[in-house]
Protein backbone atom coordinates (compact mmCIF):
# COMPACT_ATOMS: atom_id res chain seq x y z
CA MET A 1 50.43 33.54 14.36
CA THR A 2 52.75 34.32 11.41
CA ALA A 3 51.06 35.39 8.22
CA VAL A 4 52.09 33.52 5.05
CA SER A 5 52.27 35.55 1.89
CA THR A 6 50.32 34.54 -1.23
CA PRO A 7 53.48 33.77 -3.30
CA VAL A 8 54.74 31.45 -0.56
CA ARG A 9 51.37 29.64 -0.39
CA ARG A 10 51.36 29.19 -4.15
CA ALA A 11 54.93 27.79 -4.11
CA THR A 12 54.03 25.34 -1.33
CA ALA A 13 50.91 24.16 -3.17
CA ALA A 14 52.89 23.68 -6.38
CA ALA A 15 55.50 21.60 -4.55
CA GLY A 16 52.72 19.49 -3.06
CA LEU A 17 51.23 18.85 -6.48
CA ILE A 18 54.64 17.86 -7.84
CA CYS A 19 55.16 15.40 -4.95
CA PHE A 20 51.67 13.94 -5.46
CA ALA A 21 52.23 13.56 -9.19
CA ALA A 22 55.59 11.84 -8.61
CA THR A 23 54.04 9.47 -6.04
CA ALA A 24 51.11 8.67 -8.34
CA ALA A 25 53.48 8.04 -11.24
CA ALA A 26 55.61 5.71 -9.12
CA ALA A 27 52.52 3.80 -7.97
CA SER A 28 51.25 3.58 -11.53
CA SER A 29 54.64 2.32 -12.70
CA ALA A 30 54.75 -0.31 -9.94
CA THR A 31 51.21 -1.44 -10.79
CA ALA A 32 52.07 -1.63 -14.46
CA GLY A 33 55.17 -3.67 -13.67
CA THR A 34 53.09 -6.06 -11.58
CA ASP A 35 50.51 -6.33 -14.34
CA ASP A 36 53.25 -7.01 -16.90
CA ARG A 37 54.72 -9.78 -14.77
CA THR A 38 51.26 -11.24 -14.21
CA ALA A 39 50.59 -11.12 -17.94
CA GLU A 40 53.91 -12.83 -18.62
CA ARG A 41 53.07 -15.58 -16.15
CA ALA A 42 49.60 -15.92 -17.61
CA GLY A 43 51.05 -16.05 -21.11
CA ALA A 44 53.43 -18.82 -20.07
CA THR A 45 50.55 -20.95 -18.82
CA ALA A 46 47.78 -19.86 -21.20
CA ALA A 47 48.26 -22.79 -23.59
CA VAL A 48 45.66 -25.51 -23.15
CA VAL A 49 46.04 -29.09 -24.37
CA VAL A 50 42.79 -30.60 -25.60
CA ARG A 51 42.84 -34.34 -26.09
CA THR A 52 40.65 -35.26 -29.06
CA GLY A 53 41.20 -39.01 -29.32
CA GLY A 54 43.53 -41.91 -28.88
CA ARG A 55 44.00 -45.63 -28.46
CA THR A 56 45.31 -46.51 -25.02
CA ASN A 57 43.95 -50.06 -24.61
CA VAL A 58 46.28 -52.21 -26.70
CA VAL A 59 47.93 -55.61 -26.87
CA ALA A 60 51.65 -55.57 -25.99
CA GLY A 61 53.73 -54.63 -29.01
CA ARG A 62 50.85 -52.88 -30.79
CA ARG A 63 50.77 -49.14 -31.38
CA ALA A 64 49.21 -46.89 -28.74
CA TRP A 65 48.59 -43.23 -29.51
CA VAL A 66 47.10 -39.97 -28.26
CA ARG A 67 45.76 -37.20 -30.50
CA GLY A 68 45.00 -33.60 -29.55
CA GLU A 69 45.22 -29.89 -30.19
CA LEU A 70 46.99 -26.96 -28.59
CA HIS A 71 44.94 -23.81 -27.93
CA PRO A 72 45.83 -21.19 -28.95
CA ALA A 73 47.32 -22.93 -32.00
CA THR A 74 51.09 -22.68 -31.87
CA ARG A 75 54.22 -24.55 -32.80
CA GLY A 76 55.61 -26.68 -30.04
CA ARG A 77 57.03 -30.01 -29.02
CA VAL A 78 54.71 -32.56 -27.45
CA VAL A 79 56.08 -35.11 -25.00
CA LEU A 80 54.08 -38.18 -23.94
CA GLN A 81 55.05 -39.58 -20.54
CA ARG A 82 54.10 -42.75 -18.72
CA ARG A 83 54.03 -43.11 -14.93
CA GLY A 84 56.16 -46.01 -13.72
CA GLU A 85 57.55 -47.33 -10.46
CA HIS A 86 60.32 -44.72 -10.48
CA GLY A 87 58.29 -41.71 -11.61
CA TRP A 88 57.43 -40.24 -14.99
CA ALA A 89 59.32 -41.44 -18.07
CA THR A 90 59.11 -40.10 -21.62
CA VAL A 91 57.91 -42.71 -24.12
CA ALA A 92 57.35 -40.62 -27.28
CA ARG A 93 57.77 -37.14 -28.76
CA THR A 94 56.37 -35.20 -31.69
CA THR A 95 55.83 -31.61 -32.86
CA THR A 96 52.57 -29.79 -33.34
CA ALA A 97 51.37 -29.41 -36.92
CA ARG A 98 49.00 -26.94 -38.52
CA ARG A 99 46.47 -25.40 -36.13
CA GLY A 100 48.35 -26.83 -33.16
CA ARG A 101 47.31 -30.41 -33.86
CA PHE A 102 49.42 -33.40 -32.89
CA ARG A 103 49.46 -37.20 -32.75
CA VAL A 104 52.03 -38.96 -30.60
CA ALA A 105 52.47 -42.76 -30.66
CA PHE A 106 54.59 -45.59 -29.30
CA ARG A 107 54.56 -49.39 -28.91
CA PRO A 108 54.47 -50.55 -25.26
CA PRO A 109 56.40 -53.83 -25.06
CA ARG A 110 54.95 -55.40 -21.91
CA PRO A 111 51.57 -55.80 -20.20
CA GLY A 112 50.72 -53.33 -17.47
CA SER A 113 48.59 -50.38 -16.48
CA SER A 114 49.80 -46.83 -15.91
CA ARG A 115 48.80 -43.19 -16.14
CA LEU A 116 49.73 -41.02 -19.12
CA ARG A 117 50.34 -37.28 -19.38
CA LEU A 118 51.20 -34.77 -22.11
CA ILE A 119 53.72 -31.95 -21.78
CA VAL A 120 53.99 -29.22 -24.42
CA ARG A 121 57.23 -27.27 -24.66
CA GLY A 122 58.02 -24.12 -26.61
CA ALA A 123 60.96 -23.56 -28.94
CA ASP A 124 63.17 -22.64 -25.96
CA GLY A 125 62.23 -25.80 -24.05
CA GLU A 126 59.96 -24.03 -21.57
CA ALA A 127 56.92 -26.05 -20.48
CA LEU A 128 53.81 -24.34 -21.87
CA ALA A 129 51.14 -26.81 -20.82
CA ARG A 130 50.65 -30.10 -19.02
CA ARG A 131 47.63 -32.38 -19.08
CA ALA A 132 46.63 -35.86 -17.93
CA ALA A 133 46.07 -38.15 -20.93
CA GLY A 134 44.16 -41.03 -19.38
CA ARG A 135 45.29 -44.54 -18.47
CA LEU A 136 47.29 -46.92 -20.62
CA ASN A 137 46.28 -50.58 -20.43
CA VAL A 138 48.60 -53.02 -22.18
CA PHE A 139 47.25 -56.55 -22.49
CA ARG A 140 48.28 -60.09 -23.28
CA ARG A 141 45.95 -62.91 -24.26
CA VAL A 142 45.31 -65.78 -21.81
CA GLN A 143 42.95 -68.72 -21.53
CA ALA A 144 40.17 -68.40 -18.98
CA SER A 145 37.08 -70.10 -17.59
CA TRP A 146 34.44 -69.08 -15.07
CA TYR A 147 32.76 -70.55 -12.00
CA GLY A 148 29.96 -69.84 -9.56
CA PRO A 149 26.69 -71.84 -9.74
CA GLY A 150 26.81 -74.70 -7.24
CA LEU A 151 29.75 -73.06 -5.42
CA PHE A 152 28.05 -69.99 -3.95
CA GLY A 153 28.59 -69.90 -0.21
CA ASN A 154 32.03 -71.54 -0.41
CA ARG A 155 35.04 -69.84 1.12
CA LEU A 156 37.38 -67.94 -1.20
CA GLY A 157 41.13 -68.56 -1.18
CA CYS A 158 41.76 -64.88 -0.36
CA GLY A 159 39.11 -64.67 2.34
CA GLY A 160 35.39 -64.05 2.26
CA THR A 161 32.59 -66.04 0.70
CA LEU A 162 31.73 -66.51 -2.96
CA ALA A 163 28.38 -64.90 -3.81
CA PRO A 164 26.50 -64.25 -7.07
CA GLY A 165 27.63 -60.60 -6.99
CA THR A 166 31.31 -61.22 -6.19
CA LEU A 167 33.57 -59.46 -8.68
CA GLY A 168 37.02 -60.95 -9.04
CA VAL A 169 39.20 -63.65 -10.52
CA ALA A 170 41.02 -66.73 -9.31
CA HIS A 171 44.74 -66.92 -10.08
CA LYS A 172 47.39 -69.37 -8.92
CA THR A 173 50.18 -66.96 -7.96
CA LEU A 174 49.20 -63.28 -8.10
CA PRO A 175 48.95 -61.80 -4.58
CA CYS A 176 45.46 -61.59 -3.16
CA GLY A 177 43.91 -58.20 -3.82
CA THR A 178 45.99 -57.52 -6.93
CA ARG A 179 43.80 -55.59 -9.34
CA VAL A 180 43.73 -56.81 -12.92
CA THR A 181 42.05 -55.26 -15.95
CA LEU A 182 40.24 -57.68 -18.26
CA ARG A 183 39.03 -56.98 -21.79
CA HIS A 184 36.75 -59.10 -23.95
CA HIS A 185 34.89 -58.15 -27.14
CA GLY A 186 35.12 -54.42 -26.40
CA ARG A 187 34.06 -54.71 -22.76
CA MET A 188 36.46 -53.99 -19.94
CA VAL A 189 36.40 -54.49 -16.18
CA ARG A 190 38.95 -54.01 -13.40
CA VAL A 191 38.67 -56.53 -10.55
CA PRO A 192 40.79 -57.97 -7.72
CA VAL A 193 42.28 -61.43 -7.29
CA VAL A 194 39.92 -63.06 -4.77
CA ASP A 195 40.60 -66.78 -5.09
CA ARG A 196 43.11 -69.45 -6.11
CA GLY A 197 42.93 -71.50 -9.29
CA PRO A 198 42.10 -72.64 -11.87
CA TYR A 199 43.65 -76.08 -11.59
CA ALA A 200 42.31 -77.67 -14.75
CA GLY A 201 43.58 -77.48 -18.33
CA ASP A 202 45.89 -74.73 -19.48
CA ARG A 203 43.70 -71.92 -18.15
CA GLU A 204 45.32 -69.03 -16.30
CA LEU A 205 42.24 -67.27 -14.93
CA ASP A 206 38.91 -68.31 -13.45
CA LEU A 207 36.31 -65.53 -13.54
CA THR A 208 33.55 -65.27 -10.99
CA ALA A 209 30.00 -65.32 -12.34
CA ALA A 210 29.58 -61.57 -11.83
CA THR A 211 32.84 -60.84 -13.65
CA ARG A 212 31.83 -63.15 -16.50
CA ALA A 213 28.53 -61.27 -16.84
CA ARG A 214 30.25 -57.87 -16.93
CA LEU A 215 32.52 -59.04 -19.76
CA GLY A 216 29.92 -60.98 -21.71
CA PHE A 217 32.17 -64.05 -21.46
CA SER A 218 30.82 -67.57 -21.72
CA GLY A 219 32.23 -71.07 -21.36
CA THR A 220 35.99 -71.16 -21.76
CA GLY A 221 38.17 -69.17 -24.11
CA SER A 222 40.61 -66.31 -24.30
CA VAL A 223 40.48 -62.90 -22.65
CA LEU A 224 42.92 -60.02 -22.52
CA VAL A 225 44.60 -59.26 -19.19
CA ASN A 226 47.07 -56.54 -18.26
CA ARG A 227 49.17 -58.73 -15.96
């Protein structure tokens, strides 16, 4: 066995310490780089959109709007989009004001129902936040009546039997099963087309007894419908 002198042992130990220090420094640098990138990604998605109000149940041609705040408060551009048959489409834009607050509005021209979302972009156009903004219901006014007592047990035009608890409407042409949203005196209900009619007067819809009760509707008159 060859003896190793003390100076040689000290030199070897020193070299080992240098190698360990270099390796530790490289690992620390790599970790720091990873943390920096993670922080950058977190910073890019840290903004949160808080919806604080809005009016999204409107008559066609009237103003619909969404109000909110951006946290943390920052300057940005807010885009309101509506989901249509061909994907998302921008319907309005605005910029955040003091404390990150915003109000974005537009006038939907036609009846319908669709989802809304908000996208906030920074000064460079990068998307900072995205949030669902509820459902937009755009209505028109139609004449309606209701039916039920004396007819329970009869067959429905779209299949099934009319019962006291049947929720739905009768319509002359809308496909069976089409869901329509009705609004009357602040109440709202979404029901399917279950029957055909009405065939009297200038009425466009016939509400089942259960639908009438949900809306607080009585006799004949006007209701709002999103079709």
